[in-house]
Amino acid sequence: MPPFGDDEPVARWRWLAADAHEAADQMTDPEARLLLLSIAQAYERLAQRAEERSTKPAKHEYADPD
């Protein structure tokens, strides 16, 4: 069971990245290892995007400019 809740996207993506890295380390097939490392990098990018979104103020489409 993952050590985070559904409301923690950064932790989820980082956990999945670590899991993919661990699986890549166990691969003996070079192509499979590269694919898993690529997946791990994609999860890390998702974590970075989720982290950026969580630190930026929300933009409201219909906000009053005054």
N, C-alpha and C. Protein backbone atom coordinates (compact mmCIF):
# COMPACT_ATOMS: atom_id res chain seq x y z
N MET A 1 0.85 -1.18 0.00
CA MET A 1 0.00 0.00 0.00
C MET A 1 0.89 1.24 0.00
N PRO A 2 0.62 2.20 -0.88
CA PRO A 2 1.41 3.43 -0.93
C PRO A 2 1.30 4.20 0.39
N PRO A 3 2.39 4.87 0.80
CA PRO A 3 2.41 5.59 2.08
C PRO A 3 1.87 7.02 1.99
N PHE A 4 0.77 7.23 1.27
CA PHE A 4 0.20 8.56 1.10
C PHE A 4 -1.26 8.43 0.74
N GLY A 5 -1.98 9.53 0.86
CA GLY A 5 -3.39 9.54 0.51
C GLY A 5 -3.61 10.00 -0.92
N ASP A 6 -4.84 9.87 -1.39
CA ASP A 6 -5.20 10.29 -2.74
C ASP A 6 -5.04 11.79 -2.94
N ASP A 7 -5.01 12.55 -1.85
CA ASP A 7 -4.91 14.00 -1.96
C ASP A 7 -3.46 14.49 -1.91
N GLU A 8 -2.52 13.59 -2.11
CA GLU A 8 -1.10 13.94 -2.09
C GLU A 8 -0.44 13.56 -3.42
N PRO A 9 -0.72 14.31 -4.50
CA PRO A 9 -0.20 13.92 -5.80
C PRO A 9 1.32 13.94 -5.92
N VAL A 10 1.98 14.89 -5.27
CA VAL A 10 3.45 14.95 -5.36
C VAL A 10 4.05 13.68 -4.78
N ALA A 11 3.59 13.29 -3.61
CA ALA A 11 4.10 12.07 -2.98
C ALA A 11 3.80 10.84 -3.84
N ARG A 12 2.62 10.81 -4.44
CA ARG A 12 2.26 9.67 -5.28
C ARG A 12 3.21 9.55 -6.47
N TRP A 13 3.43 10.67 -7.19
CA TRP A 13 4.31 10.61 -8.36
C TRP A 13 5.74 10.25 -7.97
N ARG A 14 6.23 10.78 -6.85
CA ARG A 14 7.60 10.47 -6.41
C ARG A 14 7.72 9.02 -5.99
N TRP A 15 6.69 8.48 -5.37
CA TRP A 15 6.69 7.07 -4.96
C TRP A 15 6.72 6.18 -6.20
N LEU A 16 5.92 6.52 -7.21
CA LEU A 16 5.91 5.75 -8.45
C LEU A 16 7.25 5.84 -9.17
N ALA A 17 7.88 7.02 -9.13
CA ALA A 17 9.20 7.18 -9.75
C ALA A 17 10.22 6.29 -9.05
N ALA A 18 10.21 6.27 -7.74
CA ALA A 18 11.14 5.43 -6.98
C ALA A 18 10.90 3.95 -7.28
N ASP A 19 9.64 3.58 -7.40
CA ASP A 19 9.29 2.19 -7.72
C ASP A 19 9.81 1.80 -9.11
N ALA A 20 9.67 2.71 -10.08
CA ALA A 20 10.17 2.45 -11.43
C ALA A 20 11.69 2.36 -11.44
N HIS A 21 12.36 3.22 -10.66
CA HIS A 21 13.82 3.14 -10.55
C HIS A 21 14.26 1.80 -9.98
N GLU A 22 13.56 1.36 -8.94
CA GLU A 22 13.88 0.08 -8.31
C GLU A 22 13.70 -1.07 -9.29
N ALA A 23 12.61 -1.02 -10.05
CA ALA A 23 12.37 -2.07 -11.05
C ALA A 23 13.45 -2.04 -12.13
N ALA A 24 13.86 -0.84 -12.54
CA ALA A 24 14.91 -0.70 -13.57
C ALA A 24 16.22 -1.31 -13.08
N ASP A 25 16.52 -1.11 -11.81
CA ASP A 25 17.76 -1.67 -11.25
C ASP A 25 17.79 -3.19 -11.28
N GLN A 26 16.63 -3.80 -11.32
CA GLN A 26 16.54 -5.26 -11.33
C GLN A 26 16.52 -5.85 -12.73
N MET A 27 16.41 -5.01 -13.75
CA MET A 27 16.32 -5.49 -15.12
C MET A 27 17.70 -5.91 -15.66
N THR A 28 17.69 -7.03 -16.36
CA THR A 28 18.91 -7.46 -17.04
C THR A 28 18.85 -7.13 -18.52
N ASP A 29 17.67 -6.91 -19.04
CA ASP A 29 17.48 -6.53 -20.44
C ASP A 29 17.70 -5.02 -20.55
N PRO A 30 18.72 -4.59 -21.31
CA PRO A 30 19.03 -3.16 -21.40
C PRO A 30 17.87 -2.31 -21.91
N GLU A 31 17.11 -2.80 -22.87
CA GLU A 31 15.99 -2.02 -23.41
C GLU A 31 14.89 -1.86 -22.36
N ALA A 32 14.59 -2.92 -21.64
CA ALA A 32 13.58 -2.84 -20.58
C ALA A 32 14.03 -1.88 -19.48
N ARG A 33 15.32 -1.92 -19.16
CA ARG A 33 15.86 -1.02 -18.14
C ARG A 33 15.71 0.44 -18.58
N LEU A 34 16.04 0.74 -19.83
CA LEU A 34 15.90 2.11 -20.34
C LEU A 34 14.44 2.57 -20.35
N LEU A 35 13.54 1.67 -20.70
CA LEU A 35 12.12 2.03 -20.68
C LEU A 35 11.65 2.37 -19.27
N LEU A 36 12.07 1.58 -18.30
CA LEU A 36 11.67 1.86 -16.93
C LEU A 36 12.29 3.15 -16.41
N LEU A 37 13.53 3.44 -16.80
CA LEU A 37 14.15 4.70 -16.40
C LEU A 37 13.41 5.88 -17.03
N SER A 38 12.94 5.71 -18.26
CA SER A 38 12.16 6.75 -18.92
C SER A 38 10.84 6.98 -18.19
N ILE A 39 10.22 5.90 -17.77
CA ILE A 39 8.98 6.00 -17.00
C ILE A 39 9.24 6.72 -15.68
N ALA A 40 10.34 6.39 -15.02
CA ALA A 40 10.69 7.04 -13.76
C ALA A 40 10.90 8.54 -13.96
N GLN A 41 11.55 8.92 -15.04
CA GLN A 41 11.75 10.35 -15.33
C GLN A 41 10.42 11.05 -15.58
N ALA A 42 9.52 10.37 -16.27
CA ALA A 42 8.19 10.96 -16.52
C ALA A 42 7.44 11.16 -15.21
N TYR A 43 7.52 10.20 -14.29
CA TYR A 43 6.88 10.36 -12.98
C TYR A 43 7.50 11.53 -12.22
N GLU A 44 8.80 11.71 -12.32
CA GLU A 44 9.46 12.83 -11.64
C GLU A 44 8.98 14.16 -12.22
N ARG A 45 8.81 14.21 -13.54
CA ARG A 45 8.29 15.44 -14.16
C ARG A 45 6.87 15.72 -13.68
N LEU A 46 6.06 14.67 -13.56
CA LEU A 46 4.70 14.85 -13.05
C LEU A 46 4.73 15.36 -11.61
N ALA A 47 5.65 14.86 -10.81
CA ALA A 47 5.78 15.32 -9.43
C ALA A 47 6.17 16.79 -9.40
N GLN A 48 7.10 17.19 -10.26
CA GLN A 48 7.51 18.59 -10.31
C GLN A 48 6.35 19.50 -10.70
N ARG A 49 5.58 19.06 -11.70
CA ARG A 49 4.43 19.87 -12.13
C ARG A 49 3.39 19.98 -11.01
N ALA A 50 3.13 18.87 -10.33
CA ALA A 50 2.16 18.89 -9.23
C ALA A 50 2.65 19.79 -8.11
N GLU A 51 3.96 19.76 -7.85
CA GLU A 51 4.52 20.62 -6.81
C GLU A 51 4.41 22.10 -7.19
N GLU A 52 4.69 22.42 -8.45
CA GLU A 52 4.56 23.80 -8.92
C GLU A 52 3.12 24.29 -8.81
N ARG A 53 2.18 23.43 -9.19
CA ARG A 53 0.76 23.82 -9.11
C ARG A 53 0.33 24.04 -7.66
N SER A 54 0.90 23.27 -6.75
CA SER A 54 0.47 23.39 -5.35
C SER A 54 1.04 24.64 -4.69
N THR A 55 2.08 25.25 -5.26
CA THR A 55 2.68 26.43 -4.66
C THR A 55 2.24 27.72 -5.33
N LYS A 56 1.59 27.64 -6.49
CA LYS A 56 1.11 28.82 -7.20
C LYS A 56 -0.31 29.14 -6.73
N PRO A 57 -0.63 30.42 -6.61
CA PRO A 57 -2.01 30.76 -6.27
C PRO A 57 -2.95 30.37 -7.41
N ALA A 58 -4.12 29.97 -7.05
CA ALA A 58 -5.10 29.56 -8.06
C ALA A 58 -5.51 30.76 -8.89
N LYS A 59 -5.64 30.53 -10.19
CA LYS A 59 -6.11 31.59 -11.09
C LYS A 59 -7.60 31.37 -11.33
N HIS A 60 -8.36 32.40 -11.09
CA HIS A 60 -9.81 32.31 -11.30
C HIS A 60 -10.16 32.98 -12.62
N GLU A 61 -10.80 32.23 -13.47
CA GLU A 61 -11.13 32.74 -14.80
C GLU A 61 -12.01 33.97 -14.73
N TYR A 62 -12.90 34.04 -13.75
CA TYR A 62 -13.85 35.15 -13.68
C TYR A 62 -13.53 36.11 -12.53
N ALA A 63 -12.27 36.22 -12.17
CA ALA A 63 -11.89 37.09 -11.06
C ALA A 63 -12.10 38.54 -11.43
N ASP A 64 -12.51 39.33 -10.45
CA ASP A 64 -12.70 40.76 -10.63
C ASP A 64 -11.33 41.44 -10.68
N PRO A 65 -11.00 42.18 -11.75
CA PRO A 65 -9.67 42.77 -11.88
C PRO A 65 -9.41 43.91 -10.89
N ASP A 66 -10.44 44.46 -10.26
CA ASP A 66 -10.25 45.58 -9.32
C ASP A 66 -9.99 45.12 -7.93
